[in-house]
Amino acid sequence: MGMLNVQLAEGKTVFRAAEEIVGSVAWELEEAAEVVEVRLAWCTRGKGGVDEEVVEQLRIATPGAKGQASFKFVAPRSPVSFSGKIISVLWSVTAVTMPKGQQVQMPITISPTGKEIDLYGPR
């Protein structure tokens, strides 16, 4: 199966709008991938359908079986990370190998307050 890893600079996982999301992806695969893609994306979880969007991506063409690459994205203003009773918005940086589809996901938070917005309120 091999190894695929995403690391964020200084282990930082919480970002405000317009902050840089800097990190690296490393892979050691049994077979060379045609492409390694790093994606900044959000999705909804909860009741109803799932919405998701890739906001930015970096495609590493002909990456070989082993390698490493740096990435830099800019945190957008919206949607912000939040948890609610009916729905939540979750952000991540995900690395995917193609065509095999091996992937690893690093959850992150994007918020104007510097932390996930909790719609539940005080408990």
PDB file of N, CA and C in Angstrom:
ATOM      1  N   MET A   1       0.830  -1.195   0.000  1.00  0.00           N
ATOM      2  CA  MET A   1       0.000   0.000   0.000  1.00  0.00           C
ATOM      3  C   MET A   1       0.867   1.249   0.000  1.00  0.00           C
ATOM      4  N   GLY A   2       1.956   1.269   0.728  1.00  0.00           N
ATOM      5  CA  GLY A   2       2.835   2.425   0.719  1.00  0.00           C
ATOM      6  C   GLY A   2       2.471   3.458   1.756  1.00  0.00           C
ATOM      7  N   MET A   3       3.202   4.562   1.718  1.00  0.00           N
ATOM      8  CA  MET A   3       3.027   5.646   2.693  1.00  0.00           C
ATOM      9  C   MET A   3       2.691   6.938   1.964  1.00  0.00           C
ATOM     10  N   LEU A   4       1.738   7.675   2.516  1.00  0.00           N
ATOM     11  CA  LEU A   4       1.356   8.995   2.039  1.00  0.00           C
ATOM     12  C   LEU A   4       1.115   9.839   3.273  1.00  0.00           C
ATOM     13  N   ASN A   5       1.755  11.010   3.359  1.00  0.00           N
ATOM     14  CA  ASN A   5       1.701  11.797   4.585  1.00  0.00           C
ATOM     15  C   ASN A   5       1.592  13.289   4.261  1.00  0.00           C
ATOM     16  N   VAL A   6       0.755  13.987   5.014  1.00  0.00           N
ATOM     17  CA  VAL A   6       0.639  15.444   4.922  1.00  0.00           C
ATOM     18  C   VAL A   6       1.069  16.025   6.255  1.00  0.00           C
ATOM     19  N   GLN A   7       1.964  17.012   6.205  1.00  0.00           N
ATOM     20  CA  GLN A   7       2.375  17.718   7.420  1.00  0.00           C
ATOM     21  C   GLN A   7       2.187  19.208   7.207  1.00  0.00           C
ATOM     22  N   LEU A   8       1.708  19.874   8.239  1.00  0.00           N
ATOM     23  CA  LEU A   8       1.538  21.324   8.194  1.00  0.00           C
ATOM     24  C   LEU A   8       2.661  21.982   8.978  1.00  0.00           C
ATOM     25  N   ALA A   9       3.128  23.117   8.487  1.00  0.00           N
ATOM     26  CA  ALA A   9       4.229  23.833   9.128  1.00  0.00           C
ATOM     27  C   ALA A   9       3.897  24.109  10.584  1.00  0.00           C
ATOM     28  N   GLU A  10       4.838  23.795  11.446  1.00  0.00           N
ATOM     29  CA  GLU A  10       4.726  24.020  12.890  1.00  0.00           C
ATOM     30  C   GLU A  10       3.533  23.296  13.504  1.00  0.00           C
ATOM     31  N   GLY A  11       2.969  22.315  12.809  1.00  0.00           N
ATOM     32  CA  GLY A  11       1.831  21.566  13.326  1.00  0.00           C
ATOM     33  C   GLY A  11       0.560  22.385  13.446  1.00  0.00           C
ATOM     34  N   LYS A  12       0.545  23.544  12.821  1.00  0.00           N
ATOM     35  CA  LYS A  12      -0.603  24.454  12.926  1.00  0.00           C
ATOM     36  C   LYS A  12      -1.794  23.909  12.155  1.00  0.00           C
ATOM     37  N   THR A  13      -2.973  23.873  12.798  1.00  0.00           N
ATOM     38  CA  THR A  13      -4.175  23.363  12.142  1.00  0.00           C
ATOM     39  C   THR A  13      -5.345  24.342  12.185  1.00  0.00           C
ATOM     40  N   VAL A  14      -5.139  25.525  12.761  1.00  0.00           N
ATOM     41  CA  VAL A  14      -6.201  26.532  12.845  1.00  0.00           C
ATOM     42  C   VAL A  14      -5.726  27.782  12.115  1.00  0.00           C
ATOM     43  N   PHE A  15      -6.576  28.283  11.204  1.00  0.00           N
ATOM     44  CA  PHE A  15      -6.206  29.408  10.360  1.00  0.00           C
ATOM     45  C   PHE A  15      -7.322  30.432  10.289  1.00  0.00           C
ATOM     46  N   ARG A  16      -6.936  31.695  10.180  1.00  0.00           N
ATOM     47  CA  ARG A  16      -7.882  32.785   9.930  1.00  0.00           C
ATOM     48  C   ARG A  16      -7.877  33.073   8.432  1.00  0.00           C
ATOM     49  N   ALA A  17      -8.906  33.756   7.935  1.00  0.00           N
ATOM     50  CA  ALA A  17      -8.993  34.113   6.521  1.00  0.00           C
ATOM     51  C   ALA A  17      -7.727  34.844   6.095  1.00  0.00           C
ATOM     52  N   ALA A  18      -7.250  34.537   4.908  1.00  0.00           N
ATOM     53  CA  ALA A  18      -6.079  35.138   4.267  1.00  0.00           C
ATOM     54  C   ALA A  18      -4.749  34.646   4.851  1.00  0.00           C
ATOM     55  N   GLU A  19      -4.781  33.798   5.875  1.00  0.00           N
ATOM     56  CA  GLU A  19      -3.536  33.220   6.389  1.00  0.00           C
ATOM     57  C   GLU A  19      -3.043  32.146   5.427  1.00  0.00           C
ATOM     58  N   GLU A  20      -1.727  31.986   5.359  1.00  0.00           N
ATOM     59  CA  GLU A  20      -1.153  30.945   4.527  1.00  0.00           C
ATOM     60  C   GLU A  20      -1.197  29.594   5.245  1.00  0.00           C
ATOM     61  N   ILE A  21      -1.576  28.595   4.506  1.00  0.00           N
ATOM     62  CA  ILE A  21      -1.575  27.216   4.977  1.00  0.00           C
ATOM     63  C   ILE A  21      -0.384  26.562   4.274  1.00  0.00           C
ATOM     64  N   VAL A  22       0.680  26.344   5.020  1.00  0.00           N
ATOM     65  CA  VAL A  22       1.943  25.878   4.449  1.00  0.00           C
ATOM     66  C   VAL A  22       2.244  24.482   4.977  1.00  0.00           C
ATOM     67  N   GLY A  23       2.720  23.631   4.101  1.00  0.00           N
ATOM     68  CA  GLY A  23       3.067  22.288   4.545  1.00  0.00           C
ATOM     69  C   GLY A  23       3.780  21.514   3.467  1.00  0.00           C
ATOM     70  N   SER A  24       3.844  20.203   3.691  1.00  0.00           N
ATOM     71  CA  SER A  24       4.488  19.328   2.717  1.00  0.00           C
ATOM     72  C   SER A  24       3.748  18.001   2.648  1.00  0.00           C
ATOM     73  N   VAL A  25       3.903  17.359   1.517  1.00  0.00           N
ATOM     74  CA  VAL A  25       3.364  16.023   1.306  1.00  0.00           C
ATOM     75  C   VAL A  25       4.543  15.121   0.964  1.00  0.00           C
ATOM     76  N   ALA A  26       4.537  13.925   1.529  1.00  0.00           N
ATOM     77  CA  ALA A  26       5.590  12.948   1.247  1.00  0.00           C
ATOM     78  C   ALA A  26       4.927  11.624   0.897  1.00  0.00           C
ATOM     79  N   TRP A  27       5.562  10.867   0.010  1.00  0.00           N
ATOM     80  CA  TRP A  27       5.016   9.579  -0.390  1.00  0.00           C
ATOM     81  C   TRP A  27       6.127   8.581  -0.644  1.00  0.00           C
ATOM     82  N   GLU A  28       5.807   7.348  -0.346  1.00  0.00           N
ATOM     83  CA  GLU A  28       6.664   6.209  -0.670  1.00  0.00           C
ATOM     84  C   GLU A  28       5.714   5.083  -1.033  1.00  0.00           C
ATOM     85  N   LEU A  29       5.530   4.888  -2.328  1.00  0.00           N
ATOM     86  CA  LEU A  29       4.506   4.003  -2.851  1.00  0.00           C
ATOM     87  C   LEU A  29       5.126   2.737  -3.430  1.00  0.00           C
ATOM     88  N   GLU A  30       4.341   1.675  -3.481  1.00  0.00           N
ATOM     89  CA  GLU A  30       4.811   0.421  -4.074  1.00  0.00           C
ATOM     90  C   GLU A  30       5.004   0.581  -5.578  1.00  0.00           C
ATOM     91  N   GLU A  31       4.122   1.358  -6.210  1.00  0.00           N
ATOM     92  CA  GLU A  31       4.210   1.657  -7.631  1.00  0.00           C
ATOM     93  C   GLU A  31       4.189   3.164  -7.807  1.00  0.00           C
ATOM     94  N   ALA A  32       4.881   3.655  -8.813  1.00  0.00           N
ATOM     95  CA  ALA A  32       4.888   5.093  -9.079  1.00  0.00           C
ATOM     96  C   ALA A  32       3.476   5.573  -9.412  1.00  0.00           C
ATOM     97  N   ALA A  33       3.089   6.680  -8.823  1.00  0.00           N
ATOM     98  CA  ALA A  33       1.807   7.300  -9.134  1.00  0.00           C
ATOM     99  C   ALA A  33       1.960   8.145 -10.399  1.00  0.00           C
ATOM    100  N   GLU A  34       0.860   8.329 -11.115  1.00  0.00           N
ATOM    101  CA  GLU A  34       0.875   9.228 -12.264  1.00  0.00           C
ATOM    102  C   GLU A  34       0.807  10.679 -11.795  1.00  0.00           C
ATOM    103  N   VAL A  35       0.074  10.896 -10.713  1.00  0.00           N
ATOM    104  CA  VAL A  35      -0.125  12.234 -10.153  1.00  0.00           C
ATOM    105  C   VAL A  35      -0.302  12.109  -8.653  1.00  0.00           C
ATOM    106  N   VAL A  36       0.259  13.052  -7.904  1.00  0.00           N
ATOM    107  CA  VAL A  36      -0.096  13.249  -6.497  1.00  0.00           C
ATOM    108  C   VAL A  36      -0.744  14.624  -6.442  1.00  0.00           C
ATOM    109  N   GLU A  37      -1.922  14.679  -5.860  1.00  0.00           N
ATOM    110  CA  GLU A  37      -2.651  15.942  -5.792  1.00  0.00           C
ATOM    111  C   GLU A  37      -2.853  16.315  -4.334  1.00  0.00           C
ATOM    112  N   VAL A  38      -2.609  17.570  -3.991  1.00  0.00           N
ATOM    113  CA  VAL A  38      -2.863  18.094  -2.647  1.00  0.00           C
ATOM    114  C   VAL A  38      -4.011  19.074  -2.788  1.00  0.00           C
ATOM    115  N   ARG A  39      -5.051  18.908  -1.952  1.00  0.00           N
ATOM    116  CA  ARG A  39      -6.277  19.708  -2.085  1.00  0.00           C
ATOM    117  C   ARG A  39      -6.628  20.400  -0.777  1.00  0.00           C
ATOM    118  N   LEU A  40      -7.032  21.646  -0.875  1.00  0.00           N
ATOM    119  CA  LEU A  40      -7.652  22.378   0.228  1.00  0.00           C
ATOM    120  C   LEU A  40      -9.141  22.340  -0.063  1.00  0.00           C
ATOM    121  N   ALA A  41      -9.911  21.706   0.821  1.00  0.00           N
ATOM    122  CA  ALA A  41     -11.324  21.487   0.534  1.00  0.00           C
ATOM    123  C   ALA A  41     -12.164  21.553   1.799  1.00  0.00           C
ATOM    124  N   TRP A  42     -13.462  21.770   1.602  1.00  0.00           N
ATOM    125  CA  TRP A  42     -14.418  21.724   2.704  1.00  0.00           C
ATOM    126  C   TRP A  42     -15.549  20.778   2.309  1.00  0.00           C
ATOM    127  N   CYS A  43     -16.237  20.284   3.335  1.00  0.00           N
ATOM    128  CA  CYS A  43     -17.419  19.461   3.105  1.00  0.00           C
ATOM    129  C   CYS A  43     -18.402  19.691   4.247  1.00  0.00           C
ATOM    130  N   THR A  44     -19.638  19.346   3.990  1.00  0.00           N
ATOM    131  CA  THR A  44     -20.653  19.411   5.040  1.00  0.00           C
ATOM    132  C   THR A  44     -20.906  17.999   5.541  1.00  0.00           C
ATOM    133  N   ARG A  45     -21.247  17.911   6.819  1.00  0.00           N
ATOM    134  CA  ARG A  45     -21.639  16.633   7.424  1.00  0.00           C
ATOM    135  C   ARG A  45     -22.877  16.902   8.265  1.00  0.00           C
ATOM    136  N   GLY A  46     -23.759  15.938   8.304  1.00  0.00           N
ATOM    137  CA  GLY A  46     -24.964  16.082   9.107  1.00  0.00           C
ATOM    138  C   GLY A  46     -26.158  15.558   8.354  1.00  0.00           C
ATOM    139  N   LYS A  47     -27.309  16.133   8.667  1.00  0.00           N
ATOM    140  CA  LYS A  47     -28.547  15.704   8.023  1.00  0.00           C
ATOM    141  C   LYS A  47     -28.568  16.204   6.586  1.00  0.00           C
ATOM    142  N   GLY A  48     -29.206  15.424   5.736  1.00  0.00           N
ATOM    143  CA  GLY A  48     -29.320  15.825   4.338  1.00  0.00           C
ATOM    144  C   GLY A  48     -28.116  15.380   3.523  1.00  0.00           C
ATOM    145  N   GLY A  49     -28.007  15.944   2.351  1.00  0.00           N
ATOM    146  CA  GLY A  49     -26.926  15.593   1.443  1.00  0.00           C
ATOM    147  C   GLY A  49     -25.598  16.174   1.880  1.00  0.00           C
ATOM    148  N   VAL A  50     -24.547  15.679   1.259  1.00  0.00           N
ATOM    149  CA  VAL A  50     -23.198  16.159   1.538  1.00  0.00           C
ATOM    150  C   VAL A  50     -22.791  17.115   0.423  1.00  0.00           C
ATOM    151  N   ASP A  51     -22.333  18.293   0.797  1.00  0.00           N
ATOM    152  CA  ASP A  51     -21.759  19.245  -0.152  1.00  0.00           C
ATOM    153  C   ASP A  51     -20.264  19.236   0.076  1.00  0.00           C
ATOM    154  N   GLU A  52     -19.511  19.396  -1.007  1.00  0.00           N
ATOM    155  CA  GLU A  52     -18.064  19.493  -0.867  1.00  0.00           C
ATOM    156  C   GLU A  52     -17.514  20.303  -2.027  1.00  0.00           C
ATOM    157  N   GLU A  53     -16.387  20.970  -1.750  1.00  0.00           N
ATOM    158  CA  GLU A  53     -15.753  21.777  -2.781  1.00  0.00           C
ATOM    159  C   GLU A  53     -14.247  21.811  -2.555  1.00  0.00           C
ATOM    160  N   VAL A  54     -13.508  21.606  -3.630  1.00  0.00           N
ATOM    161  CA  VAL A  54     -12.067  21.782  -3.609  1.00  0.00           C
ATOM    162  C   VAL A  54     -11.815  23.246  -3.946  1.00  0.00           C
ATOM    163  N   VAL A  55     -11.212  23.982  -3.019  1.00  0.00           N
ATOM    164  CA  VAL A  55     -10.999  25.417  -3.173  1.00  0.00           C
ATOM    165  C   VAL A  55      -9.690  25.711  -3.901  1.00  0.00           C
ATOM    166  N   GLU A  56      -8.644  24.959  -3.573  1.00  0.00           N
ATOM    167  CA  GLU A  56      -7.347  25.086  -4.234  1.00  0.00           C
ATOM    168  C   GLU A  56      -6.741  23.702  -4.330  1.00  0.00           C
ATOM    169  N   GLN A  57      -5.858  23.520  -5.318  1.00  0.00           N
ATOM    170  CA  GLN A  57      -5.175  22.240  -5.431  1.00  0.00           C
ATOM    171  C   GLN A  57      -3.820  22.428  -6.090  1.00  0.00           C
ATOM    172  N   LEU A  58      -2.952  21.515  -5.755  1.00  0.00           N
ATOM    173  CA  LEU A  58      -1.618  21.456  -6.340  1.00  0.00           C
ATOM    174  C   LEU A  58      -1.456  20.074  -6.948  1.00  0.00           C
ATOM    175  N   ARG A  59      -1.185  20.015  -8.248  1.00  0.00           N
ATOM    176  CA  ARG A  59      -0.965  18.732  -8.937  1.00  0.00           C
ATOM    177  C   ARG A  59       0.526  18.529  -9.139  1.00  0.00           C
ATOM    178  N   ILE A  60       1.020  17.395  -8.674  1.00  0.00           N
ATOM    179  CA  ILE A  60       2.417  17.031  -8.856  1.00  0.00           C
ATOM    180  C   ILE A  60       2.434  15.937  -9.914  1.00  0.00           C
ATOM    181  N   ALA A  61       2.812  16.310 -11.135  1.00  0.00           N
ATOM    182  CA  ALA A  61       2.820  15.364 -12.253  1.00  0.00           C
ATOM    183  C   ALA A  61       4.094  14.529 -12.208  1.00  0.00           C
ATOM    184  N   THR A  62       3.981  13.296 -12.635  1.00  0.00           N
ATOM    185  CA  THR A  62       5.078  12.318 -12.647  1.00  0.00           C
ATOM    186  C   THR A  62       5.891  12.343 -11.350  1.00  0.00           C
ATOM    187  N   PRO A  63       5.236  12.067 -10.221  1.00  0.00           N
ATOM    188  CA  PRO A  63       5.913  12.157  -8.927  1.00  0.00           C
ATOM    189  C   PRO A  63       6.849  10.994  -8.608  1.00  0.00           C
ATOM    190  N   GLY A  64       6.750   9.897  -9.357  1.00  0.00           N
ATOM    191  CA  GLY A  64       7.566   8.731  -9.046  1.00  0.00           C
ATOM    192  C   GLY A  64       7.013   7.970  -7.858  1.00  0.00           C
ATOM    193  N   ALA A  65       7.718   6.936  -7.453  1.00  0.00           N
ATOM    194  CA  ALA A  65       7.266   6.089  -6.350  1.00  0.00           C
ATOM    195  C   ALA A  65       7.607   6.694  -4.992  1.00  0.00           C
ATOM    196  N   LYS A  66       8.599   7.569  -4.951  1.00  0.00           N
ATOM    197  CA  LYS A  66       9.022   8.161  -3.679  1.00  0.00           C
ATOM    198  C   LYS A  66       9.342   9.637  -3.917  1.00  0.00           C
ATOM    199  N   GLY A  67       8.885  10.481  -2.994  1.00  0.00           N
ATOM    200  CA  GLY A  67       9.186  11.895  -3.151  1.00  0.00           C
ATOM    201  C   GLY A  67       8.556  12.745  -2.076  1.00  0.00           C
ATOM    202  N   GLN A  68       8.725  14.038  -2.251  1.00  0.00           N
ATOM    203  CA  GLN A  68       8.204  15.024  -1.301  1.00  0.00           C
ATOM    204  C   GLN A  68       8.011  16.322  -2.061  1.00  0.00           C
ATOM    205  N   ALA A  69       7.011  17.100  -1.660  1.00  0.00           N
ATOM    206  CA  ALA A  69       6.762  18.406  -2.266  1.00  0.00           C
ATOM    207  C   ALA A  69       6.149  19.328  -1.222  1.00  0.00           C
ATOM    208  N   SER A  70       6.428  20.603  -1.360  1.00  0.00           N
ATOM    209  CA  SER A  70       5.849  21.619  -0.482  1.00  0.00           C
ATOM    210  C   SER A  70       4.600  22.181  -1.132  1.00  0.00           C
ATOM    211  N   PHE A  71       3.703  22.707  -0.296  1.00  0.00           N
ATOM    212  CA  PHE A  71       2.515  23.382  -0.814  1.00  0.00           C
ATOM    213  C   PHE A  71       2.234  24.618   0.028  1.00  0.00           C
ATOM    214  N   LYS A  72       1.509  25.546  -0.583  1.00  0.00           N
ATOM    215  CA  LYS A  72       1.068  26.751   0.114  1.00  0.00           C
ATOM    216  C   LYS A  72      -0.290  27.146  -0.448  1.00  0.00           C
ATOM    217  N   PHE A  73      -1.280  27.210   0.438  1.00  0.00           N
ATOM    218  CA  PHE A  73      -2.611  27.664   0.079  1.00  0.00           C
ATOM    219  C   PHE A  73      -2.915  28.906   0.905  1.00  0.00           C
ATOM    220  N   VAL A  74      -3.951  29.641   0.531  1.00  0.00           N
ATOM    221  CA  VAL A  74      -4.405  30.791   1.305  1.00  0.00           C
ATOM    222  C   VAL A  74      -5.802  30.469   1.830  1.00  0.00           C
ATOM    223  N   ALA A  75      -5.986  30.604   3.132  1.00  0.00           N
ATOM    224  CA  ALA A  75      -7.288  30.307   3.746  1.00  0.00           C
ATOM    225  C   ALA A  75      -8.329  31.317   3.252  1.00  0.00           C
ATOM    226  N   PRO A  76      -9.435  30.836   2.708  1.00  0.00           N
ATOM    227  CA  PRO A  76     -10.488  31.742   2.230  1.00  0.00           C
ATOM    228  C   PRO A  76     -11.329  32.295   3.376  1.00  0.00           C
ATOM    229  N   ARG A  77     -12.139  33.283   3.066  1.00  0.00           N
ATOM    230  CA  ARG A  77     -13.007  33.910   4.077  1.00  0.00           C
ATOM    231  C   ARG A  77     -14.200  33.030   4.442  1.00  0.00           C
ATOM    232  N   SER A  78     -14.644  32.202   3.505  1.00  0.00           N
ATOM    233  CA  SER A  78     -15.816  31.384   3.779  1.00  0.00           C
ATOM    234  C   SER A  78     -15.777  30.135   2.913  1.00  0.00           C
ATOM    235  N   PRO A  79     -16.537  29.129   3.315  1.00  0.00           N
ATOM    236  CA  PRO A  79     -17.324  29.058   4.538  1.00  0.00           C
ATOM    237  C   PRO A  79     -16.408  28.822   5.743  1.00  0.00           C
ATOM    238  N   VAL A  80     -16.846  29.246   6.891  1.00  0.00           N
ATOM    239  CA  VAL A  80     -16.049  29.058   8.102  1.00  0.00           C
ATOM    240  C   VAL A  80     -16.350  27.683   8.705  1.00  0.00           C
ATOM    241  N   SER A  81     -15.397  27.173   9.471  1.00  0.00           N
ATOM    242  CA  SER A  81     -15.590  25.898  10.166  1.00  0.00           C
ATOM    243  C   SER A  81     -16.604  26.082  11.286  1.00  0.00           C
ATOM    244  N   PHE A  82     -17.625  25.217  11.310  1.00  0.00           N
ATOM    245  CA  PHE A  82     -18.576  25.284  12.421  1.00  0.00           C
ATOM    246  C   PHE A  82     -19.205  23.929  12.662  1.00  0.00           C
ATOM    247  N   SER A  83     -19.684  23.753  13.892  1.00  0.00           N
ATOM    248  CA  SER A  83     -20.423  22.553  14.273  1.00  0.00           C
ATOM    249  C   SER A  83     -21.788  22.974  14.756  1.00  0.00           C
ATOM    250  N   GLY A  84     -22.801  22.375  14.187  1.00  0.00           N
ATOM    251  CA  GLY A  84     -24.167  22.666  14.588  1.00  0.00           C
ATOM    252  C   GLY A  84     -24.926  21.383  14.842  1.00  0.00           C
ATOM    253  N   LYS A  85     -26.160  21.525  15.292  1.00  0.00           N
ATOM    254  CA  LYS A  85     -26.979  20.351  15.587  1.00  0.00           C
ATOM    255  C   LYS A  85     -27.412  19.630  14.311  1.00  0.00           C
ATOM    256  N   ILE A  86     -27.603  20.383  13.233  1.00  0.00           N
ATOM    257  CA  ILE A  86     -28.092  19.779  12.000  1.00  0.00           C
ATOM    258  C   ILE A  86     -26.968  19.554  10.986  1.00  0.00           C
ATOM    259  N   ILE A  87     -26.033  20.472  10.941  1.00  0.00           N
ATOM    260  CA  ILE A  87     -24.982  20.387   9.930  1.00  0.00           C
ATOM    261  C   ILE A  87     -23.687  20.994  10.453  1.00  0.00           C
ATOM    262  N   SER A  88     -22.567  20.534   9.921  1.00  0.00           N
ATOM    263  CA  SER A  88     -21.249  21.078  10.244  1.00  0.00           C
ATOM    264  C   SER A  88     -20.491  21.307   8.945  1.00  0.00           C
ATOM    265  N   VAL A  89     -19.598  22.294   8.941  1.00  0.00           N
ATOM    266  CA  VAL A  89     -18.693  22.525   7.826  1.00  0.00           C
ATOM    267  C   VAL A  89     -17.293  22.169   8.303  1.00  0.00           C
ATOM    268  N   LEU A  90     -16.653  21.248   7.579  1.00  0.00           N
ATOM    269  CA  LEU A  90     -15.337  20.740   7.950  1.00  0.00           C
ATOM    270  C   LEU A  90     -14.345  21.009   6.823  1.00  0.00           C
ATOM    271  N   TRP A  91     -13.163  21.506   7.174  1.00  0.00           N
ATOM    272  CA  TRP A  91     -12.097  21.782   6.215  1.00  0.00           C
ATOM    273  C   TRP A  91     -11.006  20.733   6.352  1.00  0.00           C
ATOM    274  N   SER A  92     -10.257  20.514   5.268  1.00  0.00           N
ATOM    275  CA  SER A  92      -9.116  19.606   5.328  1.00  0.00           C
ATOM    276  C   SER A  92      -8.129  19.920   4.220  1.00  0.00           C
ATOM    277  N   VAL A  93      -6.895  19.461   4.443  1.00  0.00           N
ATOM    278  CA  VAL A  93      -5.888  19.382   3.396  1.00  0.00           C
ATOM    279  C   VAL A  93      -5.749  17.887   3.129  1.00  0.00           C
ATOM    280  N   THR A  94      -5.980  17.494   1.884  1.00  0.00           N
ATOM    281  CA  THR A  94      -5.986  16.081   1.521  1.00  0.00           C
ATOM    282  C   THR A  94      -4.983  15.824   0.411  1.00  0.00           C
ATOM    283  N   ALA A  95      -4.228  14.746   0.532  1.00  0.00           N
ATOM    284  CA  ALA A  95      -3.337  14.305  -0.537  1.00  0.00           C
ATOM    285  C   ALA A  95      -3.923  13.032  -1.132  1.00  0.00           C
ATOM    286  N   VAL A  96      -3.915  12.953  -2.464  1.00  0.00           N
ATOM    287  CA  VAL A  96      -4.487  11.816  -3.178  1.00  0.00           C
ATOM    288  C   VAL A  96      -3.507  11.370  -4.262  1.00  0.00           C
ATOM    289  N   THR A  97      -3.300  10.053  -4.376  1.00  0.00           N
ATOM    290  CA  THR A  97      -2.498   9.519  -5.471  1.00  0.00           C
ATOM    291  C   THR A  97      -3.434   9.061  -6.583  1.00  0.00           C
ATOM    292  N   MET A  98      -2.995   9.234  -7.809  1.00  0.00           N
ATOM    293  CA  MET A  98      -3.803   8.780  -8.938  1.00  0.00           C
ATOM    294  C   MET A  98      -2.925   7.929  -9.845  1.00  0.00           C
ATOM    295  N   PRO A  99      -3.451   6.838 -10.352  1.00  0.00           N
ATOM    296  CA  PRO A  99      -4.855   6.463 -10.413  1.00  0.00           C
ATOM    297  C   PRO A  99      -5.338   5.605  -9.245  1.00  0.00           C
ATOM    298  N   LYS A 100      -4.472   5.189  -8.338  1.00  0.00           N
ATOM    299  CA  LYS A 100      -4.853   4.253  -7.264  1.00  0.00           C
ATOM    300  C   LYS A 100      -5.868   4.839  -6.278  1.00  0.00           C
ATOM    301  N   GLY A 101      -5.845   6.157  -6.067  1.00  0.00           N
ATOM    302  CA  GLY A 101      -6.808   6.777  -5.172  1.00  0.00           C
ATOM    303  C   GLY A 101      -6.463   6.673  -3.694  1.00  0.00           C
ATOM    304  N   GLN A 102      -5.219   6.319  -3.380  1.00  0.00           N
ATOM    305  CA  GLN A 102      -4.809   6.324  -1.968  1.00  0.00           C
ATOM    306  C   GLN A 102      -4.870   7.763  -1.482  1.00  0.00           C
ATOM    307  N   GLN A 103      -5.377   7.983  -0.270  1.00  0.00           N
ATOM    308  CA  GLN A 103      -5.465   9.353   0.221  1.00  0.00           C
ATOM    309  C   GLN A 103      -5.253   9.438   1.722  1.00  0.00           C
ATOM    310  N   VAL A 104      -4.842  10.626   2.143  1.00  0.00           N
ATOM    311  CA  VAL A 104      -4.689  10.941   3.556  1.00  0.00           C
ATOM    312  C   VAL A 104      -5.244  12.346   3.749  1.00  0.00           C
ATOM    313  N   GLN A 105      -5.940  12.532   4.863  1.00  0.00           N
ATOM    314  CA  GLN A 105      -6.618  13.803   5.116  1.00  0.00           C
ATOM    315  C   GLN A 105      -6.147  14.401   6.435  1.00  0.00           C
ATOM    316  N   MET A 106      -5.831  15.688   6.410  1.00  0.00           N
ATOM    317  CA  MET A 106      -5.441  16.430   7.602  1.00  0.00           C
ATOM    318  C   MET A 106      -6.556  17.440   7.899  1.00  0.00           C
ATOM    319  N   PRO A 107      -7.367  17.207   8.950  1.00  0.00           N
ATOM    320  CA  PRO A 107      -8.423  18.165   9.288  1.00  0.00           C
ATOM    321  C   PRO A 107      -7.822  19.496   9.746  1.00  0.00           C
ATOM    322  N   ILE A 108      -8.429  20.590   9.301  1.00  0.00           N
ATOM    323  CA  ILE A 108      -8.017  21.922   9.732  1.00  0.00           C
ATOM    324  C   ILE A 108      -9.255  22.735  10.059  1.00  0.00           C
ATOM    325  N   THR A 109      -9.046  23.885  10.684  1.00  0.00           N
ATOM    326  CA  THR A 109     -10.123  24.811  11.007  1.00  0.00           C
ATOM    327  C   THR A 109      -9.821  26.143  10.353  1.00  0.00           C
ATOM    328  N   ILE A 110     -10.835  26.726   9.705  1.00  0.00           N
ATOM    329  CA  ILE A 110     -10.722  28.069   9.136  1.00  0.00           C
ATOM    330  C   ILE A 110     -11.848  28.891   9.735  1.00  0.00           C
ATOM    331  N   SER A 111     -11.474  29.949  10.469  1.00  0.00           N
ATOM    332  CA  SER A 111     -12.465  30.724  11.204  1.00  0.00           C
ATOM    333  C   SER A 111     -11.939  32.119  11.507  1.00  0.00           C
ATOM    334  N   PRO A 112     -12.819  33.123  11.513  1.00  0.00           N
ATOM    335  CA  PRO A 112     -12.380  34.471  11.870  1.00  0.00           C
ATOM    336  C   PRO A 112     -11.989  34.602  13.341  1.00  0.00           C
ATOM    337  N   THR A 113     -12.449  33.656  14.168  1.00  0.00           N
ATOM    338  CA  THR A 113     -12.152  33.724  15.599  1.00  0.00           C
ATOM    339  C   THR A 113     -10.895  32.947  15.975  1.00  0.00           C
ATOM    340  N   GLY A 114     -10.354  32.182  15.033  1.00  0.00           N
ATOM    341  CA  GLY A 114      -9.190  31.361  15.338  1.00  0.00           C
ATOM    342  C   GLY A 114      -9.549  30.035  15.973  1.00  0.00           C
ATOM    343  N   LYS A 115     -10.845  29.699  16.018  1.00  0.00           N
ATOM    344  CA  LYS A 115     -11.286  28.392  16.494  1.00  0.00           C
ATOM    345  C   LYS A 115     -12.616  28.056  15.833  1.00  0.00           C
ATOM    346  N   GLU A 116     -12.958  26.775  15.845  1.00  0.00           N
ATOM    347  CA  GLU A 116     -14.220  26.357  15.235  1.00  0.00           C
ATOM    348  C   GLU A 116     -15.384  27.045  15.935  1.00  0.00           C
ATOM    349  N   ILE A 117     -16.355  27.499  15.150  1.00  0.00           N
ATOM    350  CA  ILE A 117     -17.534  28.142  15.715  1.00  0.00           C
ATOM    351  C   ILE A 117     -18.486  27.038  16.167  1.00  0.00           C
ATOM    352  N   ASP A 118     -18.923  27.111  17.399  1.00  0.00           N
ATOM    353  CA  ASP A 118     -19.795  26.109  18.001  1.00  0.00           C
ATOM    354  C   ASP A 118     -21.202  26.672  18.043  1.00  0.00           C
ATOM    355  N   LEU A 119     -22.085  26.155  17.204  1.00  0.00           N
ATOM    356  CA  LEU A 119     -23.463  26.636  17.152  1.00  0.00           C
ATOM    357  C   LEU A 119     -24.329  26.047  18.249  1.00  0.00           C
ATOM    358  N   TYR A 120     -23.779  25.087  18.999  1.00  0.00           N
ATOM    359  CA  TYR A 120     -24.514  24.513  20.114  1.00  0.00           C
ATOM    360  C   TYR A 120     -24.623  25.517  21.259  1.00  0.00           C
ATOM    361  N   GLY A 121     -23.648  26.395  21.362  1.00  0.00           N
ATOM    362  CA  GLY A 121     -23.619  27.362  22.459  1.00  0.00           C
ATOM    363  C   GLY A 121     -23.156  26.715  23.745  1.00  0.00           C
ATOM    364  N   PRO A 122     -23.262  27.440  24.850  1.00  0.00           N
ATOM    365  CA  PRO A 122     -22.829  26.877  26.143  1.00  0.00           C
ATOM    366  C   PRO A 122     -23.643  25.639  26.480  1.00  0.00           C
ATOM    367  N   ARG A 123     -22.962  24.667  27.055  1.00  0.00           N
ATOM    368  CA  ARG A 123     -23.646  23.413  27.415  1.00  0.00           C
ATOM    369  C   ARG A 123     -23.706  23.263  28.896  1.00  0.00           C
TER     370      ARG A 123
END
